[in-house]
Protein backbone atom coordinates (compact mmCIF):
# COMPACT_ATOMS: atom_id res chain seq x y z
CA MET A 1 77.58 90.65 89.82
CA THR A 2 78.17 86.32 90.10
CA LEU A 3 80.75 84.84 87.33
CA GLN A 4 80.82 81.01 86.77
CA HIS A 5 84.19 79.38 85.57
CA HIS A 6 84.85 78.66 82.36
CA ASP A 7 86.41 75.93 80.77
CA HIS A 8 88.08 75.40 76.81
CA ALA A 9 87.05 71.17 77.69
CA HIS A 10 83.44 71.92 77.88
CA HIS A 11 82.43 75.68 75.67
CA ASP A 12 83.70 76.48 72.21
CA ALA A 13 83.54 79.85 73.18
CA VAL A 14 83.89 82.09 76.49
CA CYS A 15 80.70 83.64 78.72
CA ASP A 16 80.77 87.45 78.79
CA LYS A 17 79.51 86.53 82.43
CA CYS A 18 82.59 84.02 83.82
CA ILE A 19 86.08 83.63 84.93
CA PHE A 20 88.07 81.84 82.44
CA ASP A 21 90.89 79.79 81.82
CA THR A 22 93.19 80.41 78.39
CA ASP A 23 95.76 78.92 77.62
CA THR A 24 98.66 79.00 74.39
CA HIS A 25 96.33 77.92 72.01
CA HIS A 26 93.55 80.15 72.74
CA PHE A 27 95.04 83.00 74.16
CA GLU A 28 95.31 84.81 70.69
CA ALA A 29 91.18 84.40 70.62
CA ASP A 30 90.27 85.31 74.65
CA VAL A 31 92.22 87.84 75.03
CA ILE A 32 94.33 89.66 72.50
CA GLU A 33 90.74 89.55 70.16
CA THR A 34 88.11 90.07 72.71
CA SER A 35 90.28 93.07 73.98
CA LYS A 36 89.26 94.96 70.87
CA THR A 37 85.38 95.57 72.06
CA ARG A 38 85.94 95.23 76.27
CA LEU A 39 88.66 95.27 78.95
CA VAL A 40 90.53 91.82 79.48
CA LEU A 41 92.03 91.39 82.80
CA VAL A 42 94.59 88.17 82.59
CA ASP A 43 95.64 86.58 85.94
CA LEU A 44 98.43 84.94 86.06
CA TRP A 45 99.42 82.26 88.60
CA ALA A 46 101.47 79.00 89.96
CA ASP A 47 99.60 76.75 91.80
CA TRP A 48 102.80 76.70 94.28
CA CYS A 49 102.67 80.74 94.54
CA GLY A 50 101.01 81.52 98.46
CA PRO A 51 100.18 84.64 97.51
CA CYS A 52 98.08 83.60 94.55
CA HIS A 53 96.17 81.59 96.70
CA PHE A 54 95.98 84.47 99.40
CA SER A 55 94.32 87.01 97.06
CA ASP A 56 92.06 85.29 94.72
CA THR A 57 91.97 87.86 91.66
CA GLY A 58 89.66 86.67 89.66
CA ALA A 59 86.79 86.75 92.25
CA ASP A 60 88.31 90.53 93.74
CA ALA A 61 87.97 91.84 90.08
CA SER A 62 84.70 90.21 89.37
CA ARG A 63 83.36 92.00 92.40
CA ALA A 64 84.87 95.01 91.16
CA ALA A 65 83.81 94.63 86.92
CA VAL A 66 81.45 96.50 85.42
CA GLY A 67 78.45 94.70 84.07
CA ASP A 68 80.19 92.82 81.19
CA LYS A 69 82.46 95.51 80.22
CA VAL A 70 85.16 93.20 81.57
CA ARG A 71 86.30 90.06 80.76
CA LEU A 72 88.36 88.13 83.68
CA ALA A 73 91.18 85.23 82.22
CA LYS A 74 93.28 83.18 84.14
CA VAL A 75 96.65 81.70 83.28
CA GLU A 76 98.19 78.65 85.63
CA VAL A 77 101.62 79.72 84.27
CA ASP A 78 102.73 75.80 84.69
CA GLU A 79 100.44 74.04 82.58
CA GLY A 80 101.65 73.10 79.03
CA ASP A 81 103.56 75.97 78.23
CA ASN A 82 101.15 78.44 79.53
CA MET A 83 104.71 80.40 80.73
CA LYS A 84 105.11 81.46 77.30
CA ILE A 85 102.52 83.86 78.07
CA ALA A 86 103.92 84.79 81.17
CA GLY A 87 107.43 85.53 79.06
CA GLN A 88 105.45 87.06 76.76
CA ASN A 89 104.61 89.46 79.06
CA GLY A 90 107.48 90.57 80.95
CA ALA A 91 105.93 89.11 84.07
CA ARG A 92 108.84 88.52 86.74
CA GLY A 93 107.11 87.38 89.03
CA PHE A 94 103.41 85.59 90.35
CA PRO A 95 100.37 86.68 90.57
CA THR A 96 100.78 89.49 87.81
CA VAL A 97 97.60 90.82 86.46
CA LEU A 98 97.83 92.48 83.06
CA LEU A 99 94.54 94.38 81.60
CA TYR A 100 94.13 94.16 78.23
CA LYS A 101 92.82 96.60 75.79
CA ASN A 102 92.35 96.78 71.50
CA GLY A 103 94.77 93.79 71.81
CA GLU A 104 97.71 95.00 73.69
CA VAL A 105 98.63 95.34 77.40
CA VAL A 106 97.99 98.88 78.73
CA ASP A 107 98.36 98.44 82.49
CA ARG A 108 99.85 95.72 84.92
CA PHE A 109 100.52 94.73 89.03
CA HIS A 110 101.88 92.04 90.48
CA GLY A 111 101.07 90.72 93.61
CA ALA A 112 97.87 90.24 96.40
CA LYS A 113 95.97 93.36 96.40
CA PRO A 114 92.92 94.30 97.88
CA GLU A 115 89.44 94.33 95.69
CA HIS A 116 89.03 98.66 96.65
CA PHE A 117 92.66 97.87 94.32
CA VAL A 118 91.53 95.74 91.62
CA ARG A 119 88.69 97.62 91.50
CA GLU A 120 89.71 101.14 91.21
CA PHE A 121 92.94 99.84 88.63
CA ILE A 122 89.97 98.51 86.51
CA ASP A 123 87.99 101.63 86.72
CA LYS A 124 90.48 104.52 85.77
CA HIS A 125 90.42 102.26 82.08
CA LEU A 126 86.96 101.86 81.58
CA ALA A 127 86.66 105.90 80.63
């Protein structure tokens, strides 16, 4: 599946088949509400973070995602007040990947992971 990158500056709604950026202003609608109908994988990352660039979790997740059952959100924690999202979710290092389901974090992992790990991580929550 090929996914496009979504930017709120260009669209009002988050597209179904894209990796999208979100922030503190859009997080409730983009992640919390959306996770009530499908899984939302949230990649908390920082530009200064080497491992965040070493393995692109969003790209790995896009290859691992099954159809439109999983949305992929990226949060650059150093933009605006996005660090609040990391703090509210107990992120202590980056990248931190959160999996939201029914409005809550149901699983997480830290650090760069290979595609097969991300696929298994998602698959165990699709059942």
